[in-house]
Amino acid sequence: MSASPSEPSALLDRCLESGRIHSAYLLSGPGAAPRDAALRFVRGIVCQGSPRPCEACPSCRRSTGRAEIALDGTGKKGPLLRHVGDHADLFWVERGEQDTRVRIGQIRALQQALRLRSSEGGRRAVVVADAERMNQEAQNALLRLLEEPPPQTTLVLATATSAGLLATVRSRCQRVAFRPPRASALDDPDLAALAARLDSIGQAALPDLLDWAEEYRGARAQVAEGVAALLEGASHWLRQRVAQAVERGAADDLRELDGLRVLASCRRNLVQRNANPQMVAERALFALRDVVGP
């Protein structure tokens, strides 16, 4: 199932207003929009007022106002998951501060928590942020929840891109896509700087690309973040090139589409297979040069 309205949040608001709430949603898009929308949506699910969230009922007051607890994917330096505010029926899962992925132990902890009955006797909801950062084991564990969701429970996956998720996970979710504004490349200095660097990649020599990839060395958690940003920014850059080619009427031979597929594969390898970030960067940069080179 998929839905990509011009105002994605409007679809979620209609679900809350009608009371027709699915068991699973997949919110995807750049920036903080999917996470913010997921938080607002799950708070609305348990809201007792109108409009939802009303910000005035007891449930709304319990689901806000509390400092976020830092999670630890190993459970050694912090919890595996947390509640949204102080609301016992709202759960939040994301990768730990020192982790590059959402771990299977966190999904298992979520499964255990959902075996218990609702504290309020009504609906429950879960946000899995950084959903694209789940490896295949964690996704398979989550898939069991998606296939047999507990009664009155909704799972919301928030992700920058759905490309790293298993097709079986995506197919069981109502999909809502948040699109970046056309001017975002100009508004984001980091994205604009990367785009300027990519504009000359077609003429880059092999040593230049290896030097670029060499920038992604060091502690894996930190460099994996950098490579993920490279892949996301390069994908946006390629999509802009596709749009420009379509506008020029030159869309017969779009090698950029092949590049997008390679970047999606790189993203999966980085997250699901825990691949070496520098090697992932090398593969991505070589593919980008091939796509736009002479």
Protein backbone atom coordinates (compact mmCIF):
# COMPACT_ATOMS: atom_id res chain seq x y z
CA MET A 1 0.00 0.00 0.00
CA SER A 2 1.24 3.46 -0.72
CA ALA A 3 0.11 7.04 -0.41
CA SER A 4 1.96 10.17 -1.42
CA PRO A 5 -0.40 13.13 -1.05
CA SER A 6 0.82 16.66 -1.64
CA GLU A 7 0.47 17.20 2.10
CA PRO A 8 1.47 13.87 3.68
CA SER A 9 0.50 14.96 7.18
CA ALA A 10 -3.06 15.52 5.92
CA LEU A 11 -3.43 11.79 5.29
CA LEU A 12 -2.40 11.04 8.87
CA ASP A 13 -4.80 13.68 10.18
CA ARG A 14 -7.65 12.09 8.22
CA CYS A 15 -6.83 8.71 9.74
CA LEU A 16 -7.01 10.23 13.22
CA GLU A 17 -10.25 12.09 12.50
CA SER A 18 -11.99 9.06 11.02
CA GLY A 19 -10.64 6.57 13.55
CA ARG A 20 -9.62 4.26 10.67
CA ILE A 21 -6.08 3.60 11.79
CA HIS A 22 -3.96 0.93 10.14
CA SER A 23 -1.75 -1.47 12.04
CA ALA A 24 1.43 -0.17 10.37
CA TYR A 25 2.71 2.96 8.62
CA LEU A 26 5.95 3.77 6.85
CA LEU A 27 6.84 7.47 6.87
CA SER A 28 9.81 8.30 4.65
CA GLY A 29 11.58 11.45 3.54
CA PRO A 30 14.52 13.75 4.20
CA GLY A 31 15.17 15.68 7.37
CA ALA A 32 13.12 15.61 10.53
CA ALA A 33 9.68 15.56 8.86
CA PRO A 34 9.05 11.77 9.15
CA ARG A 35 10.13 11.63 12.81
CA ASP A 36 8.11 14.71 13.75
CA ALA A 37 5.05 13.42 11.93
CA ALA A 38 5.42 9.98 13.54
CA LEU A 39 5.58 11.52 17.01
CA ARG A 40 2.52 13.69 16.41
CA PHE A 41 0.61 10.77 14.89
CA VAL A 42 1.16 8.30 17.74
CA ARG A 43 0.26 10.98 20.28
CA GLY A 44 -2.92 11.55 18.31
CA ILE A 45 -3.72 7.84 18.34
CA VAL A 46 -4.03 7.80 22.14
CA CYS A 47 -5.55 11.30 22.41
CA GLN A 48 -8.96 11.49 24.05
CA GLY A 49 -9.94 14.90 22.70
CA SER A 50 -10.35 16.72 19.40
CA PRO A 51 -8.55 17.62 17.19
CA ARG A 52 -6.02 14.89 17.78
CA PRO A 53 -3.64 15.49 19.44
CA CYS A 54 -5.61 18.05 21.40
CA GLU A 55 -2.71 18.88 23.78
CA ALA A 56 -5.19 19.20 26.67
CA CYS A 57 -6.45 15.72 27.59
CA PRO A 58 -4.65 13.53 30.17
CA SER A 59 -3.10 11.36 27.43
CA CYS A 60 -1.66 14.36 25.61
CA ARG A 61 -0.21 15.75 28.81
CA ARG A 62 1.45 12.40 29.60
CA SER A 63 2.94 12.11 26.12
CA THR A 64 4.83 15.41 26.21
CA GLY A 65 7.07 17.47 28.44
CA ARG A 66 9.63 14.83 29.40
CA ALA A 67 13.27 14.93 28.36
CA GLU A 68 14.18 12.18 25.91
CA ILE A 69 16.13 9.29 27.40
CA ALA A 70 19.22 8.29 25.41
CA LEU A 71 18.99 4.69 24.24
CA ASP A 72 21.75 2.09 24.06
CA GLY A 73 21.39 -0.74 21.58
CA THR A 74 23.28 -3.09 23.90
CA GLY A 75 21.26 -2.17 26.99
CA LYS A 76 24.44 -1.56 29.00
CA LYS A 77 24.52 2.24 29.26
CA GLY A 78 20.86 2.97 28.74
CA PRO A 79 17.48 1.36 27.95
CA LEU A 80 16.77 -0.47 24.72
CA LEU A 81 13.59 1.53 24.19
CA ARG A 82 11.67 4.29 25.93
CA HIS A 83 8.19 5.69 26.31
CA VAL A 84 6.96 8.83 24.61
CA GLY A 85 6.83 11.25 27.52
CA ASP A 86 5.35 9.36 30.45
CA HIS A 87 2.69 7.55 28.44
CA ALA A 88 2.93 3.82 29.16
CA ASP A 89 1.21 2.85 25.88
CA LEU A 90 3.50 4.80 23.58
CA PHE A 91 6.92 3.31 22.74
CA TRP A 92 9.91 4.77 20.92
CA VAL A 93 12.79 2.78 19.43
CA GLU A 94 15.84 4.26 17.70
CA ARG A 95 19.51 3.42 17.39
CA GLY A 96 21.68 4.13 20.38
CA GLU A 97 23.98 7.13 20.53
CA GLN A 98 27.05 4.99 19.79
CA ASP A 99 25.34 2.60 17.35
CA THR A 100 25.19 2.57 13.59
CA ARG A 101 22.00 0.51 13.49
CA VAL A 102 18.87 -0.45 15.38
CA ARG A 103 19.73 -3.77 16.99
CA ILE A 104 17.71 -6.95 17.10
CA GLY A 105 17.80 -6.84 20.91
CA GLN A 106 15.78 -3.62 20.78
CA ILE A 107 13.13 -5.20 18.57
CA ARG A 108 12.96 -8.21 20.86
CA ALA A 109 12.53 -5.90 23.85
CA LEU A 110 9.69 -4.23 21.98
CA GLN A 111 8.08 -7.60 21.29
CA GLN A 112 8.27 -8.40 24.98
CA ALA A 113 6.75 -5.06 25.97
CA LEU A 114 3.85 -5.53 23.56
CA ARG A 115 3.00 -8.92 25.02
CA LEU A 116 1.73 -7.07 28.08
CA ARG A 117 -1.75 -5.60 28.12
CA SER A 118 -2.36 -1.94 27.45
CA SER A 119 -1.94 0.15 30.59
CA GLU A 120 -4.83 2.45 29.62
CA GLY A 121 -7.05 -0.25 28.16
CA GLY A 122 -7.08 1.44 24.74
CA ARG A 123 -4.84 1.75 21.73
CA ARG A 124 -1.05 1.48 21.79
CA ALA A 125 1.47 2.80 19.31
CA VAL A 126 5.16 2.38 18.54
CA VAL A 127 7.60 4.55 16.62
CA VAL A 128 10.68 2.87 15.17
CA ALA A 129 12.86 5.80 14.15
CA ASP A 130 15.97 5.24 12.00
CA ALA A 131 14.05 2.28 10.58
CA GLU A 132 16.39 2.07 7.61
CA ARG A 133 19.18 1.40 10.10
CA MET A 134 17.82 -2.02 11.06
CA ASN A 135 19.90 -4.93 9.86
CA GLN A 136 18.18 -7.93 8.29
CA GLU A 137 17.87 -9.81 11.60
CA ALA A 138 16.13 -6.87 13.26
CA GLN A 139 13.86 -6.41 10.25
CA ASN A 140 12.87 -10.06 10.29
CA ALA A 141 12.01 -9.78 13.99
CA LEU A 142 9.93 -6.68 13.27
CA LEU A 143 8.27 -8.48 10.38
CA ARG A 144 6.73 -10.94 12.82
CA LEU A 145 5.07 -8.02 14.59
CA LEU A 146 3.85 -6.63 11.28
CA GLU A 147 2.45 -10.00 10.22
CA GLU A 148 0.64 -10.59 13.52
CA PRO A 149 0.25 -7.17 15.17
CA PRO A 150 -1.00 -7.19 18.76
CA PRO A 151 -4.62 -6.03 19.12
CA GLN A 152 -5.20 -2.26 19.11
CA THR A 153 -1.53 -1.62 18.31
CA THR A 154 -0.06 0.54 15.54
CA LEU A 155 3.58 0.49 14.42
CA VAL A 156 5.02 3.57 12.72
CA LEU A 157 8.36 3.33 10.93
CA ALA A 158 10.13 6.64 10.34
CA THR A 159 12.95 6.61 7.83
CA ALA A 160 14.98 8.86 5.57
CA THR A 161 14.54 6.32 2.78
CA SER A 162 12.67 3.05 2.45
CA ALA A 163 15.33 1.58 0.13
CA GLY A 164 17.11 -0.19 2.99
CA LEU A 165 13.98 -1.99 4.16
CA LEU A 166 12.96 -5.48 3.12
CA ALA A 167 10.19 -5.60 0.54
CA THR A 168 8.13 -7.71 2.92
CA VAL A 169 8.37 -4.98 5.56
CA ARG A 170 7.40 -2.23 3.12
CA SER A 171 4.46 -4.19 1.74
CA ARG A 172 2.80 -4.48 5.15
CA CYS A 173 2.80 -0.74 5.81
CA GLN A 174 0.65 2.16 4.71
CA ARG A 175 3.30 4.31 3.04
CA VAL A 176 3.46 8.08 3.36
CA ALA A 177 6.24 9.96 1.53
CA PHE A 178 7.53 13.37 2.54
CA ARG A 179 9.19 15.10 -0.39
CA PRO A 180 11.91 17.76 -0.15
CA PRO A 181 11.13 21.21 -1.54
CA ARG A 182 12.69 21.89 -4.94
CA ALA A 183 14.91 24.59 -3.46
CA SER A 184 16.31 22.40 -0.69
CA ALA A 185 19.66 21.93 -2.44
CA LEU A 186 20.21 25.67 -2.31
CA ASP A 187 18.91 26.07 1.22
CA ASP A 188 21.10 23.33 2.75
CA PRO A 189 24.78 24.44 2.72
CA ASP A 190 26.07 20.89 3.20
CA LEU A 191 23.95 19.55 0.35
CA ALA A 192 24.95 22.45 -1.89
CA ALA A 193 28.64 21.87 -1.14
CA LEU A 194 28.33 18.16 -1.93
CA ALA A 195 26.45 18.92 -5.16
CA ALA A 196 29.22 21.30 -6.24
CA ARG A 197 31.80 18.60 -5.58
CA LEU A 198 29.78 15.99 -7.46
CA ASP A 199 29.39 18.27 -10.47
CA SER A 200 33.02 17.56 -11.38
CA ILE A 201 33.12 13.86 -10.51
CA GLY A 202 32.81 12.84 -14.14
CA GLN A 203 36.34 14.11 -14.78
CA ALA A 204 37.84 12.81 -11.52
CA ALA A 205 40.82 10.47 -11.76
CA LEU A 206 40.95 7.20 -9.83
CA PRO A 207 43.40 8.57 -7.19
CA ASP A 208 41.03 11.50 -6.60
CA LEU A 209 38.15 9.13 -5.86
CA LEU A 210 40.30 7.00 -3.58
CA ASP A 211 41.37 10.12 -1.70
CA TRP A 212 37.73 11.13 -1.34
CA ALA A 213 36.79 7.72 0.02
CA GLU A 214 39.80 7.93 2.37
CA GLU A 215 37.93 10.69 4.20
CA TYR A 216 35.60 8.01 5.57
CA ARG A 217 38.05 6.32 7.90
CA GLY A 218 37.90 6.08 11.67
CA ALA A 219 35.38 4.94 14.27
CA ARG A 220 32.62 3.16 12.37
CA ALA A 221 29.68 4.90 14.03
CA GLN A 222 30.97 8.32 13.00
CA VAL A 223 32.17 7.53 9.49
CA ALA A 224 29.05 5.49 8.72
CA GLU A 225 27.06 8.66 9.44
CA GLY A 226 29.20 10.49 6.90
CA VAL A 227 28.77 7.81 4.25
CA ALA A 228 25.02 7.73 4.85
CA ALA A 229 24.94 11.51 4.31
CA LEU A 230 27.01 11.07 1.13
CA LEU A 231 24.57 8.47 -0.22
CA GLU A 232 21.52 10.56 0.63
CA GLY A 233 23.01 13.73 -0.84
CA ALA A 234 24.23 11.96 -3.99
CA SER A 235 20.79 10.41 -4.48
CA HIS A 236 19.22 13.86 -4.25
CA TRP A 237 21.80 15.17 -6.75
CA LEU A 238 21.04 12.38 -9.22
CA ARG A 239 17.28 12.91 -8.90
CA GLN A 240 17.82 16.60 -9.69
CA ARG A 241 19.74 15.61 -12.83
CA VAL A 242 16.91 13.28 -13.86
CA ALA A 243 14.36 16.07 -13.39
CA GLN A 244 16.47 18.46 -15.46
CA ALA A 245 16.85 15.87 -18.23
CA VAL A 246 13.10 15.32 -18.34
CA GLU A 247 12.52 19.06 -18.57
CA ARG A 248 14.95 19.23 -21.52
CA GLY A 249 13.25 16.29 -23.22
CA ALA A 250 16.45 14.26 -22.97
CA ALA A 251 15.20 11.34 -20.89
CA ASP A 252 15.82 8.54 -23.40
CA ASP A 253 19.08 7.29 -21.87
CA LEU A 254 19.21 8.11 -18.18
CA ARG A 255 22.29 6.47 -16.69
CA GLU A 256 21.38 8.35 -13.51
CA LEU A 257 18.70 5.74 -12.82
CA ASP A 258 21.39 3.04 -12.78
CA GLY A 259 23.32 5.23 -10.34
CA LEU A 260 20.33 5.50 -8.05
CA ARG A 261 20.05 1.72 -7.97
CA VAL A 262 23.72 1.39 -7.04
CA LEU A 263 23.34 3.97 -4.26
CA ALA A 264 20.34 2.08 -2.90
CA SER A 265 22.41 -1.12 -2.88
CA CYS A 266 25.24 0.72 -1.10
CA ARG A 267 22.80 1.93 1.52
CA ARG A 268 21.57 -1.61 2.16
CA ASN A 269 25.13 -2.91 2.47
CA LEU A 270 26.04 -0.15 4.91
CA VAL A 271 23.09 -0.90 7.19
CA GLN A 272 22.02 -4.49 6.77
CA ARG A 273 25.42 -6.08 6.16
CA ASN A 274 27.47 -3.76 8.36
CA ALA A 275 29.86 -3.19 5.45
CA ASN A 276 33.08 -1.19 5.73
CA PRO A 277 32.01 2.47 5.24
CA GLN A 278 35.13 3.40 3.26
CA MET A 279 34.56 0.55 0.80
CA VAL A 280 30.89 1.55 0.46
CA ALA A 281 31.99 5.12 -0.28
CA GLU A 282 34.45 3.87 -2.91
CA ARG A 283 31.77 1.85 -4.69
CA ALA A 284 29.35 4.77 -4.64
CA LEU A 285 31.89 7.27 -5.95
CA PHE A 286 33.05 4.95 -8.74
CA ALA A 287 29.44 4.40 -9.79
CA LEU A 288 28.73 8.13 -9.79
CA ARG A 289 31.74 8.80 -12.01
CA ASP A 290 30.61 6.09 -14.44
CA VAL A 291 27.10 7.53 -14.53
CA VAL A 292 28.02 11.13 -15.35
CA GLY A 293 31.41 10.67 -17.00
CA PRO A 294 32.01 10.90 -20.74
